[in-house]
C-alpha cells in the first residue's frame, strides 16, 4: 500500500475514533456498539503497520485480487451489522408492545378507581 494512502487511512481512522469516543461520552452511542468499531479500526491499523499484510492475507484466503477480498470482507461486515441492528430493533419492538400493554392496564385500573371514588 502506498505510504500516502496509508497515512490518509490512518488520519481518517483517528478522526473516526475521536467521533466514536465523543458519541460514547455524550451517550449517543452505546459502549457495546462502539467496541465493534474500535475493533475494526484496530485491525485496520495493524494491517497498515505490517507491510504486505493485505497481500499475504489475500493469498492465504485464495483471492486473486486484494480489492476483491476487501469488498468481500466489507460485505460480510455490513451483513453482520444489519443482522445485529435487526435483532436490536426486534427487541425494542417487543419492549414497546410490553410497555403499551402495561400502560393500557394502568389506564384501565385508573379509570376503575376513579369510578369507585365517584360512587
Protein backbone atom coordinates (compact mmCIF):
# COMPACT_ATOMS: atom_id res chain seq x y z
CA UNK A 1 0.00 0.00 0.00
CA UNK A 2 1.42 3.40 -0.92
CA UNK A 3 2.55 5.45 2.06
CA UNK A 4 0.27 8.37 1.11
CA UNK A 5 -2.77 6.09 1.17
CA UNK A 6 -1.70 4.53 4.47
CA UNK A 7 -1.32 7.98 6.04
CA UNK A 8 -4.72 9.08 4.71
CA UNK A 9 -6.40 5.94 6.08
CA UNK A 10 -4.67 6.36 9.45
CA UNK A 11 -5.77 10.02 9.73
CA UNK A 12 -9.32 9.08 8.74
CA UNK A 13 -9.32 6.33 11.36
CA UNK A 14 -8.07 8.69 14.07
CA UNK A 15 -10.83 11.19 13.25
CA UNK A 16 -13.35 8.35 13.23
CA UNK A 17 -12.15 7.11 16.64
CA UNK A 18 -12.45 10.61 18.08
CA UNK A 19 -16.04 10.75 16.80
CA UNK A 20 -16.82 7.35 18.36
CA UNK A 21 -15.37 8.33 21.74
CA UNK A 22 -17.23 11.66 21.66
CA UNK A 23 -20.54 9.89 20.90
CA UNK A 24 -19.99 7.36 23.68
CA UNK A 25 -19.14 10.17 26.09
CA UNK A 26 -22.30 12.09 25.12
CA UNK A 27 -24.33 8.87 25.45
CA UNK A 28 -25.38 8.94 21.80
CA UNK A 29 -23.71 5.57 21.14
CA UNK A 30 -23.74 2.59 23.45
CA UNK A 31 -20.38 1.24 24.52
CA UNK A 32 -21.24 -2.22 23.20
CA UNK A 33 -21.68 -0.86 19.67
CA UNK A 34 -18.54 1.25 19.86
CA UNK A 35 -16.42 -1.78 20.77
CA UNK A 36 -17.16 -3.24 17.33
CA UNK A 37 -15.95 -0.10 15.58
CA UNK A 38 -12.87 0.13 17.79
CA UNK A 39 -12.05 -3.50 16.97
CA UNK A 40 -12.43 -2.88 13.22
CA UNK A 41 -10.24 0.22 13.47
CA UNK A 42 -7.56 -1.59 15.43
CA UNK A 43 -7.45 -4.35 12.82
CA UNK A 44 -7.16 -1.68 10.12
CA UNK A 45 -4.23 -0.02 11.89
CA UNK A 46 -2.46 -3.38 12.33
CA UNK A 47 -2.91 -4.09 8.62
CA UNK A 48 -1.47 -0.66 7.81
CA UNK A 49 1.57 -1.13 10.05
CA UNK A 50 2.57 -4.56 8.71
CA UNK A 51 3.97 -4.34 5.17
CA UNK A 52 2.29 -6.57 2.56
CA UNK A 53 -0.16 -7.83 5.20
CA UNK A 54 -3.17 -7.45 2.88
CA UNK A 55 -1.38 -9.22 0.05
CA UNK A 56 -0.43 -12.13 2.31
CA UNK A 57 -3.98 -12.43 3.68
CA UNK A 58 -5.34 -12.28 0.12
CA UNK A 59 -3.12 -15.17 -0.96
CA UNK A 60 -3.90 -17.13 2.21
CA UNK A 61 -7.66 -16.84 1.67
CA UNK A 62 -7.38 -17.69 -2.01
CA UNK A 63 -8.48 -14.40 -3.54
CA UNK A 64 -6.80 -13.35 -6.78
CA UNK A 65 -7.02 -9.60 -6.21
CA UNK A 66 -6.73 -7.73 -2.91
CA UNK A 67 -9.66 -5.46 -3.76
CA UNK A 68 -11.94 -8.49 -4.16
CA UNK A 69 -11.03 -9.64 -0.66
CA UNK A 70 -11.58 -6.17 0.79
CA UNK A 71 -15.00 -5.92 -0.88
CA UNK A 72 -15.94 -9.40 0.32
CA UNK A 73 -14.92 -8.68 3.91
CA UNK A 74 -16.75 -5.33 3.78
CA UNK A 75 -19.93 -7.00 2.56
CA UNK A 76 -19.70 -9.64 5.31
CA UNK A 77 -19.25 -6.91 7.94
CA UNK A 78 -22.24 -4.98 6.55
CA UNK A 79 -24.41 -8.11 6.69
CA UNK A 80 -23.31 -8.69 10.28
CA UNK A 81 -24.16 -5.10 11.22
CA UNK A 82 -27.56 -5.35 9.57
CA UNK A 83 -28.30 -8.58 11.44
CA UNK A 84 -27.26 -7.03 14.78
CA UNK A 85 -29.39 -3.95 14.13
CA UNK A 86 -32.40 -6.07 13.18
CA UNK A 87 -32.02 -8.06 16.41
CA UNK A 88 -31.82 -4.83 18.43
CA UNK A 89 -34.84 -3.44 16.58
CA UNK A 90 -36.84 -6.60 17.29
CA UNK A 91 -36.00 -6.39 20.99
CA UNK A 92 -37.06 -2.75 21.13
CA UNK A 93 -40.28 -3.54 19.29
CA UNK A 94 -41.14 -6.24 21.85
CA UNK A 95 -40.32 -3.84 24.67
CA UNK A 96 -42.64 -1.22 23.12
CA UNK A 97 -45.50 -3.71 22.91
CA UNK A 98 -45.00 -4.70 26.54
CA UNK A 99 -44.84 -1.05 27.60
CA UNK A 100 -48.02 -0.19 25.71
CA UNK A 101 -49.81 -3.14 27.32
CA UNK A 102 -48.67 -2.11 30.80
CA UNK A 103 -49.76 1.50 30.23
CA UNK A 104 -53.15 0.31 28.97
CA UNK A 105 -53.64 -1.87 32.04
CA UNK A 106 -52.67 1.03 34.34
CA UNK A 107 -55.06 3.35 32.50
CA UNK A 108 -57.83 0.82 32.84
CA UNK A 109 -57.10 0.43 36.55
CA UNK A 110 -57.11 4.22 36.99
CA UNK A 111 -60.49 4.51 35.31
CA UNK A 112 -61.86 1.79 37.60
CA UNK A 113 -60.51 3.58 40.70
CA UNK A 114 -61.99 6.89 39.56
CA UNK A 115 -65.39 5.24 39.12
CA UNK A 116 -65.18 3.80 42.65
CA UNK A 117 -64.29 7.22 44.06
CA UNK A 118 -67.25 8.88 42.30
CA UNK A 119 -69.71 6.42 43.87
